Amino acid sequence: MESIQKSDLFLPNRIARVILASLEESLGKAGLEKILQAANLAELVDERPADTMDSTFNFADFSMLNGAIDEIYGTRGGRAITSRAGKAVFDQVFSHFGAMAGIEDDTFMELPVDVKMRIGLPALAKILSSVSDMQTSIEETGESTTVTVHQCPACWGRETEKPACNLINGLLLAGCKWISGGIDFTVHQSLAKSSGDETCTFEIRKE
């Protein structure tokens, strides 16, 4: 696929490292190498990003990785693969920030689910915004909570017919389950910069 110009926006290296490990687990080493070759990231076949929270992994490389998955496996197949990788990112990277956000103590655990979500989702958005350039905000509506990613690494510099930031969708699914104490929520992406919208927006149903 055509290369995307490098951005001045970055993600922690550990996020990229976890994603590559998840892809290799799902697709095997040969499948991962095929994706990296298509994404013009062949150097990552033998040398993975460092296991640190230093933000040096470029949004453009992250987007190329997502685009290559969709190109090779199709929209539906790519959604399943990247959603699983997004869940791995949350479980292995962001869940460790729970104590810092105050959403792992006994008092929080005893709260009703709707209160947990009302407190926990803004805390998650704050974490995402603080450790990376993925600036994220939360807005409550009548039937859902809107998560807006103002600078999205999953579709940076790409054009898609429909919203396809599936890795972020998977991360939010895992985040909702963690915050709520094990409940599965529905997360739907309604807007994407790659589809011509101003932001990448996800709706989390409150039921």
C-alpha atoms as a PDB file:
ATOM      1  CA  MET A   1       0.000   0.000   0.000  1.00  0.00           C
ATOM      2  CA  GLU A   2       1.052   3.611  -0.521  1.00  0.00           C
ATOM      3  CA  SER A   3       3.155   5.066   2.275  1.00  0.00           C
ATOM      4  CA  ILE A   4       1.696   7.692   4.596  1.00  0.00           C
ATOM      5  CA  GLN A   5       3.745  10.766   5.356  1.00  0.00           C
ATOM      6  CA  LYS A   6       5.185  10.728   8.862  1.00  0.00           C
ATOM      7  CA  SER A   7       3.286  12.786  11.437  1.00  0.00           C
ATOM      8  CA  ASP A   8       4.494  14.697  14.476  1.00  0.00           C
ATOM      9  CA  LEU A   9       2.209  12.573  16.680  1.00  0.00           C
ATOM     10  CA  PHE A  10       3.269   9.475  18.588  1.00  0.00           C
ATOM     11  CA  LEU A  11       2.139   6.501  20.672  1.00  0.00           C
ATOM     12  CA  PRO A  12       4.057   4.666  23.407  1.00  0.00           C
ATOM     13  CA  ASN A  13       6.331   1.944  22.049  1.00  0.00           C
ATOM     14  CA  ARG A  14       4.705  -0.628  24.320  1.00  0.00           C
ATOM     15  CA  ILE A  15       1.380  -0.239  22.513  1.00  0.00           C
ATOM     16  CA  ALA A  16       2.955  -1.133  19.171  1.00  0.00           C
ATOM     17  CA  ARG A  17       4.855  -4.011  20.753  1.00  0.00           C
ATOM     18  CA  VAL A  18       1.683  -5.506  22.265  1.00  0.00           C
ATOM     19  CA  ILE A  19      -0.188  -5.152  18.963  1.00  0.00           C
ATOM     20  CA  LEU A  20       2.542  -6.954  17.029  1.00  0.00           C
ATOM     21  CA  ALA A  21       2.582  -9.762  19.602  1.00  0.00           C
ATOM     22  CA  SER A  22      -1.220 -10.076  19.367  1.00  0.00           C
ATOM     23  CA  LEU A  23      -1.083 -10.200  15.570  1.00  0.00           C
ATOM     24  CA  GLU A  24       1.579 -12.884  15.658  1.00  0.00           C
ATOM     25  CA  GLU A  25      -0.502 -14.913  18.109  1.00  0.00           C
ATOM     26  CA  SER A  26      -3.581 -14.617  15.866  1.00  0.00           C
ATOM     27  CA  LEU A  27      -1.950 -15.016  12.456  1.00  0.00           C
ATOM     28  CA  GLY A  28       1.387 -16.703  13.057  1.00  0.00           C
ATOM     29  CA  LYS A  29       4.807 -15.338  12.234  1.00  0.00           C
ATOM     30  CA  ALA A  30       4.280 -15.612   8.482  1.00  0.00           C
ATOM     31  CA  GLY A  31       0.969 -13.731   8.709  1.00  0.00           C
ATOM     32  CA  LEU A  32       2.553 -10.941  10.731  1.00  0.00           C
ATOM     33  CA  GLU A  33       5.453 -10.653   8.282  1.00  0.00           C
ATOM     34  CA  LYS A  34       2.980 -10.380   5.393  1.00  0.00           C
ATOM     35  CA  ILE A  35       1.221  -7.482   7.121  1.00  0.00           C
ATOM     36  CA  LEU A  36       4.471  -5.696   7.951  1.00  0.00           C
ATOM     37  CA  GLN A  37       5.708  -6.046   4.380  1.00  0.00           C
ATOM     38  CA  ALA A  38       2.427  -4.601   3.050  1.00  0.00           C
ATOM     39  CA  ALA A  39       2.639  -1.740   5.561  1.00  0.00           C
ATOM     40  CA  ASN A  40       6.219  -0.896   4.522  1.00  0.00           C
ATOM     41  CA  LEU A  41       7.340  -1.753   8.049  1.00  0.00           C
ATOM     42  CA  ALA A  42       9.568  -4.721   7.249  1.00  0.00           C
ATOM     43  CA  GLU A  43      12.144  -3.505   9.764  1.00  0.00           C
ATOM     44  CA  LEU A  44       9.749  -4.540  12.549  1.00  0.00           C
ATOM     45  CA  VAL A  45       9.942  -8.199  11.525  1.00  0.00           C
ATOM     46  CA  ASP A  46      13.221  -8.672  13.387  1.00  0.00           C
ATOM     47  CA  GLU A  47      13.322  -5.636  15.660  1.00  0.00           C
ATOM     48  CA  ARG A  48      10.214  -4.876  17.730  1.00  0.00           C
ATOM     49  CA  PRO A  49       9.623  -1.508  19.414  1.00  0.00           C
ATOM     50  CA  ALA A  50      11.141  -1.219  22.871  1.00  0.00           C
ATOM     51  CA  ASP A  51       9.031  -2.365  25.821  1.00  0.00           C
ATOM     52  CA  THR A  52       8.751   1.166  27.233  1.00  0.00           C
ATOM     53  CA  MET A  53       6.143   3.891  27.527  1.00  0.00           C
ATOM     54  CA  ASP A  54       8.346   6.296  25.573  1.00  0.00           C
ATOM     55  CA  SER A  55       6.181   7.813  22.837  1.00  0.00           C
ATOM     56  CA  THR A  56       8.199   7.350  19.668  1.00  0.00           C
ATOM     57  CA  PHE A  57       5.935   5.120  17.532  1.00  0.00           C
ATOM     58  CA  ASN A  58       4.598   7.334  14.762  1.00  0.00           C
ATOM     59  CA  PHE A  59       0.863   7.665  14.060  1.00  0.00           C
ATOM     60  CA  ALA A  60       1.634   7.131  10.364  1.00  0.00           C
ATOM     61  CA  ASP A  61       3.202   3.722  11.035  1.00  0.00           C
ATOM     62  CA  PHE A  62       0.290   2.746  13.254  1.00  0.00           C
ATOM     63  CA  SER A  63      -2.186   3.720  10.535  1.00  0.00           C
ATOM     64  CA  MET A  64      -0.200   1.846   7.875  1.00  0.00           C
ATOM     65  CA  LEU A  65      -0.364  -1.258  10.064  1.00  0.00           C
ATOM     66  CA  ASN A  66      -4.160  -0.957  10.384  1.00  0.00           C
ATOM     67  CA  GLY A  67      -4.565  -0.282   6.662  1.00  0.00           C
ATOM     68  CA  ALA A  68      -2.473  -3.297   5.688  1.00  0.00           C
ATOM     69  CA  ILE A  69      -4.594  -5.591   7.865  1.00  0.00           C
ATOM     70  CA  ASP A  70      -7.811  -4.387   6.193  1.00  0.00           C
ATOM     71  CA  GLU A  71      -6.218  -4.626   2.753  1.00  0.00           C
ATOM     72  CA  ILE A  72      -5.109  -8.230   3.241  1.00  0.00           C
ATOM     73  CA  TYR A  73      -7.985  -9.643   5.296  1.00  0.00           C
ATOM     74  CA  GLY A  74     -10.877  -7.427   4.204  1.00  0.00           C
ATOM     75  CA  THR A  75     -13.019  -5.151   6.346  1.00  0.00           C
ATOM     76  CA  ARG A  76     -14.773  -7.905   8.286  1.00  0.00           C
ATOM     77  CA  GLY A  77     -11.725 -10.092   8.820  1.00  0.00           C
ATOM     78  CA  GLY A  78      -9.591  -7.077   9.644  1.00  0.00           C
ATOM     79  CA  ARG A  79     -12.138  -5.903  12.219  1.00  0.00           C
ATOM     80  CA  ALA A  80     -11.893  -9.161  14.158  1.00  0.00           C
ATOM     81  CA  ILE A  81      -8.096  -9.153  14.115  1.00  0.00           C
ATOM     82  CA  THR A  82      -7.603  -5.519  15.103  1.00  0.00           C
ATOM     83  CA  SER A  83     -10.373  -5.607  17.704  1.00  0.00           C
ATOM     84  CA  ARG A  84      -8.574  -8.471  19.440  1.00  0.00           C
ATOM     85  CA  ALA A  85      -5.314  -6.519  19.293  1.00  0.00           C
ATOM     86  CA  GLY A  86      -7.050  -3.482  20.781  1.00  0.00           C
ATOM     87  CA  LYS A  87      -8.269  -5.569  23.703  1.00  0.00           C
ATOM     88  CA  ALA A  88      -4.731  -6.846  24.242  1.00  0.00           C
ATOM     89  CA  VAL A  89      -3.457  -3.260  24.329  1.00  0.00           C
ATOM     90  CA  PHE A  90      -5.937  -2.324  27.006  1.00  0.00           C
ATOM     91  CA  ASP A  91      -5.334  -5.427  29.120  1.00  0.00           C
ATOM     92  CA  GLN A  92      -1.534  -5.239  28.945  1.00  0.00           C
ATOM     93  CA  VAL A  93      -0.969  -1.478  28.904  1.00  0.00           C
ATOM     94  CA  PHE A  94      -3.828   0.696  30.112  1.00  0.00           C
ATOM     95  CA  SER A  95      -5.372  -1.473  32.813  1.00  0.00           C
ATOM     96  CA  HIS A  96      -2.211  -0.906  34.874  1.00  0.00           C
ATOM     97  CA  PHE A  97      -3.184   2.751  35.242  1.00  0.00           C
ATOM     98  CA  GLY A  98      -6.322   1.860  37.184  1.00  0.00           C
ATOM     99  CA  ALA A  99      -4.854   2.567  40.601  1.00  0.00           C
ATOM    100  CA  MET A 100      -3.622   5.959  39.426  1.00  0.00           C
ATOM    101  CA  ALA A 101      -7.101   6.802  38.147  1.00  0.00           C
ATOM    102  CA  GLY A 102      -8.766   5.659  41.372  1.00  0.00           C
ATOM    103  CA  ILE A 103     -10.871   2.975  39.718  1.00  0.00           C
ATOM    104  CA  GLU A 104      -9.464  -0.096  41.397  1.00  0.00           C
ATOM    105  CA  ASP A 105     -10.066   0.648  45.057  1.00  0.00           C
ATOM    106  CA  ASP A 106     -12.794  -1.056  47.101  1.00  0.00           C
ATOM    107  CA  THR A 107     -15.026   2.030  47.182  1.00  0.00           C
ATOM    108  CA  PHE A 108     -15.137   2.210  43.390  1.00  0.00           C
ATOM    109  CA  MET A 109     -15.807  -1.516  43.034  1.00  0.00           C
ATOM    110  CA  GLU A 110     -18.920  -1.232  45.215  1.00  0.00           C
ATOM    111  CA  LEU A 111     -20.529   1.521  43.097  1.00  0.00           C
ATOM    112  CA  PRO A 112     -23.480   0.836  40.738  1.00  0.00           C
ATOM    113  CA  VAL A 113     -22.441   0.063  37.171  1.00  0.00           C
ATOM    114  CA  ASP A 114     -23.801   3.330  35.734  1.00  0.00           C
ATOM    115  CA  VAL A 115     -21.811   5.332  38.280  1.00  0.00           C
ATOM    116  CA  LYS A 116     -18.680   3.301  37.568  1.00  0.00           C
ATOM    117  CA  MET A 117     -18.996   4.084  33.867  1.00  0.00           C
ATOM    118  CA  ARG A 118     -19.674   7.762  34.498  1.00  0.00           C
ATOM    119  CA  ILE A 119     -16.484   8.001  36.551  1.00  0.00           C
ATOM    120  CA  GLY A 120     -14.338   5.452  34.756  1.00  0.00           C
ATOM    121  CA  LEU A 121     -14.704   6.500  31.117  1.00  0.00           C
ATOM    122  CA  PRO A 122     -13.481  10.094  31.671  1.00  0.00           C
ATOM    123  CA  ALA A 123     -10.598   8.628  33.688  1.00  0.00           C
ATOM    124  CA  LEU A 124      -9.733   6.344  30.754  1.00  0.00           C
ATOM    125  CA  ALA A 125      -9.887   9.276  28.326  1.00  0.00           C
ATOM    126  CA  LYS A 126      -7.525  11.223  30.569  1.00  0.00           C
ATOM    127  CA  ILE A 127      -5.078   8.325  30.628  1.00  0.00           C
ATOM    128  CA  LEU A 128      -5.156   7.947  26.831  1.00  0.00           C
ATOM    129  CA  SER A 129      -4.546  11.670  26.395  1.00  0.00           C
ATOM    130  CA  SER A 130      -1.756  11.833  28.947  1.00  0.00           C
ATOM    131  CA  VAL A 131       0.419   8.932  27.759  1.00  0.00           C
ATOM    132  CA  SER A 132       0.072   9.553  24.011  1.00  0.00           C
ATOM    133  CA  ASP A 133      -0.933  12.143  21.417  1.00  0.00           C
ATOM    134  CA  MET A 134      -4.313  10.394  21.046  1.00  0.00           C
ATOM    135  CA  GLN A 135      -6.342  13.251  22.529  1.00  0.00           C
ATOM    136  CA  THR A 136      -9.664  11.835  23.734  1.00  0.00           C
ATOM    137  CA  SER A 137     -12.790  13.335  25.320  1.00  0.00           C
ATOM    138  CA  ILE A 138     -16.078  12.024  26.756  1.00  0.00           C
ATOM    139  CA  GLU A 139     -19.624  13.394  26.488  1.00  0.00           C
ATOM    140  CA  GLU A 140     -22.755  11.988  28.099  1.00  0.00           C
ATOM    141  CA  THR A 141     -25.951  11.834  26.032  1.00  0.00           C
ATOM    142  CA  GLY A 142     -29.374  10.397  26.792  1.00  0.00           C
ATOM    143  CA  GLU A 143     -28.851   6.792  25.740  1.00  0.00           C
ATOM    144  CA  SER A 144     -25.118   6.583  25.180  1.00  0.00           C
ATOM    145  CA  THR A 145     -21.705   7.912  26.074  1.00  0.00           C
ATOM    146  CA  THR A 146     -19.789   9.501  23.208  1.00  0.00           C
ATOM    147  CA  VAL A 147     -16.035   8.948  23.046  1.00  0.00           C
ATOM    148  CA  THR A 148     -14.316  11.369  20.684  1.00  0.00           C
ATOM    149  CA  VAL A 149     -10.755  10.763  19.523  1.00  0.00           C
ATOM    150  CA  HIS A 150      -9.614  14.100  18.159  1.00  0.00           C
ATOM    151  CA  GLN A 151      -6.342  12.750  16.782  1.00  0.00           C
ATOM    152  CA  CYS A 152      -6.748   9.105  15.851  1.00  0.00           C
ATOM    153  CA  PRO A 153      -3.722   6.933  15.098  1.00  0.00           C
ATOM    154  CA  ALA A 154      -5.764   4.103  13.565  1.00  0.00           C
ATOM    155  CA  CYS A 155      -6.772   6.008  10.421  1.00  0.00           C
ATOM    156  CA  TRP A 156      -4.186   8.801  10.298  1.00  0.00           C
ATOM    157  CA  GLY A 157      -3.579   9.889   6.678  1.00  0.00           C
ATOM    158  CA  ARG A 158      -5.872   7.229   5.186  1.00  0.00           C
ATOM    159  CA  GLU A 159      -9.200   7.352   3.359  1.00  0.00           C
ATOM    160  CA  THR A 160     -11.916   4.758   4.013  1.00  0.00           C
ATOM    161  CA  GLU A 161     -15.483   4.447   2.779  1.00  0.00           C
ATOM    162  CA  LYS A 162     -16.744   3.729   6.294  1.00  0.00           C
ATOM    163  CA  PRO A 163     -15.316   4.209   9.790  1.00  0.00           C
ATOM    164  CA  ALA A 164     -12.737   1.478  10.353  1.00  0.00           C
ATOM    165  CA  CYS A 165     -10.761   2.343  13.500  1.00  0.00           C
ATOM    166  CA  ASN A 166     -11.319  -1.161  14.783  1.00  0.00           C
ATOM    167  CA  LEU A 167      -8.307  -1.306  17.040  1.00  0.00           C
ATOM    168  CA  ILE A 168      -9.575   1.679  19.022  1.00  0.00           C
ATOM    169  CA  ASN A 169     -13.011   0.044  19.110  1.00  0.00           C
ATOM    170  CA  GLY A 170     -11.486  -3.078  20.634  1.00  0.00           C
ATOM    171  CA  LEU A 171      -9.607  -1.024  23.200  1.00  0.00           C
ATOM    172  CA  LEU A 172     -12.837   0.689  24.274  1.00  0.00           C
ATOM    173  CA  LEU A 173     -14.698  -2.631  24.503  1.00  0.00           C
ATOM    174  CA  ALA A 174     -12.032  -3.958  26.851  1.00  0.00           C
ATOM    175  CA  GLY A 175     -12.020  -0.704  28.809  1.00  0.00           C
ATOM    176  CA  CYS A 176     -15.784  -0.804  29.368  1.00  0.00           C
ATOM    177  CA  LYS A 177     -15.622  -4.401  30.571  1.00  0.00           C
ATOM    178  CA  TRP A 178     -12.826  -3.573  32.994  1.00  0.00           C
ATOM    179  CA  ILE A 179     -14.450  -0.423  34.384  1.00  0.00           C
ATOM    180  CA  SER A 180     -17.867  -2.084  34.820  1.00  0.00           C
ATOM    181  CA  GLY A 181     -16.497  -5.161  36.530  1.00  0.00           C
ATOM    182  CA  GLY A 182     -17.004  -7.669  33.723  1.00  0.00           C
ATOM    183  CA  ILE A 183     -20.031  -6.448  31.733  1.00  0.00           C
ATOM    184  CA  ASP A 184     -19.936  -6.475  27.921  1.00  0.00           C
ATOM    185  CA  PHE A 185     -21.045  -3.193  26.333  1.00  0.00           C
ATOM    186  CA  THR A 186     -21.842  -2.321  22.715  1.00  0.00           C
ATOM    187  CA  VAL A 187     -19.385   0.108  21.109  1.00  0.00           C
ATOM    188  CA  HIS A 188     -20.201   1.517  17.677  1.00  0.00           C
ATOM    189  CA  GLN A 189     -18.000   3.850  15.641  1.00  0.00           C
ATOM    190  CA  SER A 190     -20.196   6.504  14.057  1.00  0.00           C
ATOM    191  CA  LEU A 191     -17.613   8.941  12.623  1.00  0.00           C
ATOM    192  CA  ALA A 192     -14.058   8.759  11.294  1.00  0.00           C
ATOM    193  CA  LYS A 193     -11.577  11.273   9.955  1.00  0.00           C
ATOM    194  CA  SER A 194     -10.690   8.787   7.231  1.00  0.00           C
ATOM    195  CA  SER A 195     -14.323   8.962   6.041  1.00  0.00           C
ATOM    196  CA  GLY A 196     -14.334  12.766   5.883  1.00  0.00           C
ATOM    197  CA  ASP A 197     -15.520  13.573   9.411  1.00  0.00           C
ATOM    198  CA  GLU A 198     -13.826  16.008  11.767  1.00  0.00           C
ATOM    199  CA  THR A 199     -13.169  13.408  14.465  1.00  0.00           C
ATOM    200  CA  CYS A 200     -13.287   9.690  15.136  1.00  0.00           C
ATOM    201  CA  THR A 201     -16.325   9.137  17.331  1.00  0.00           C
ATOM    202  CA  PHE A 202     -17.552   6.052  19.179  1.00  0.00           C
ATOM    203  CA  GLU A 203     -20.923   5.520  20.862  1.00  0.00           C
ATOM    204  CA  ILE A 204     -21.163   3.324  23.955  1.00  0.00           C
ATOM    205  CA  ARG A 205     -24.712   2.229  24.702  1.00  0.00           C
ATOM    206  CA  LYS A 206     -25.633   2.630  28.368  1.00  0.00           C
ATOM    207  CA  GLU A 207     -27.753  -0.510  28.606  1.00  0.00           C
END
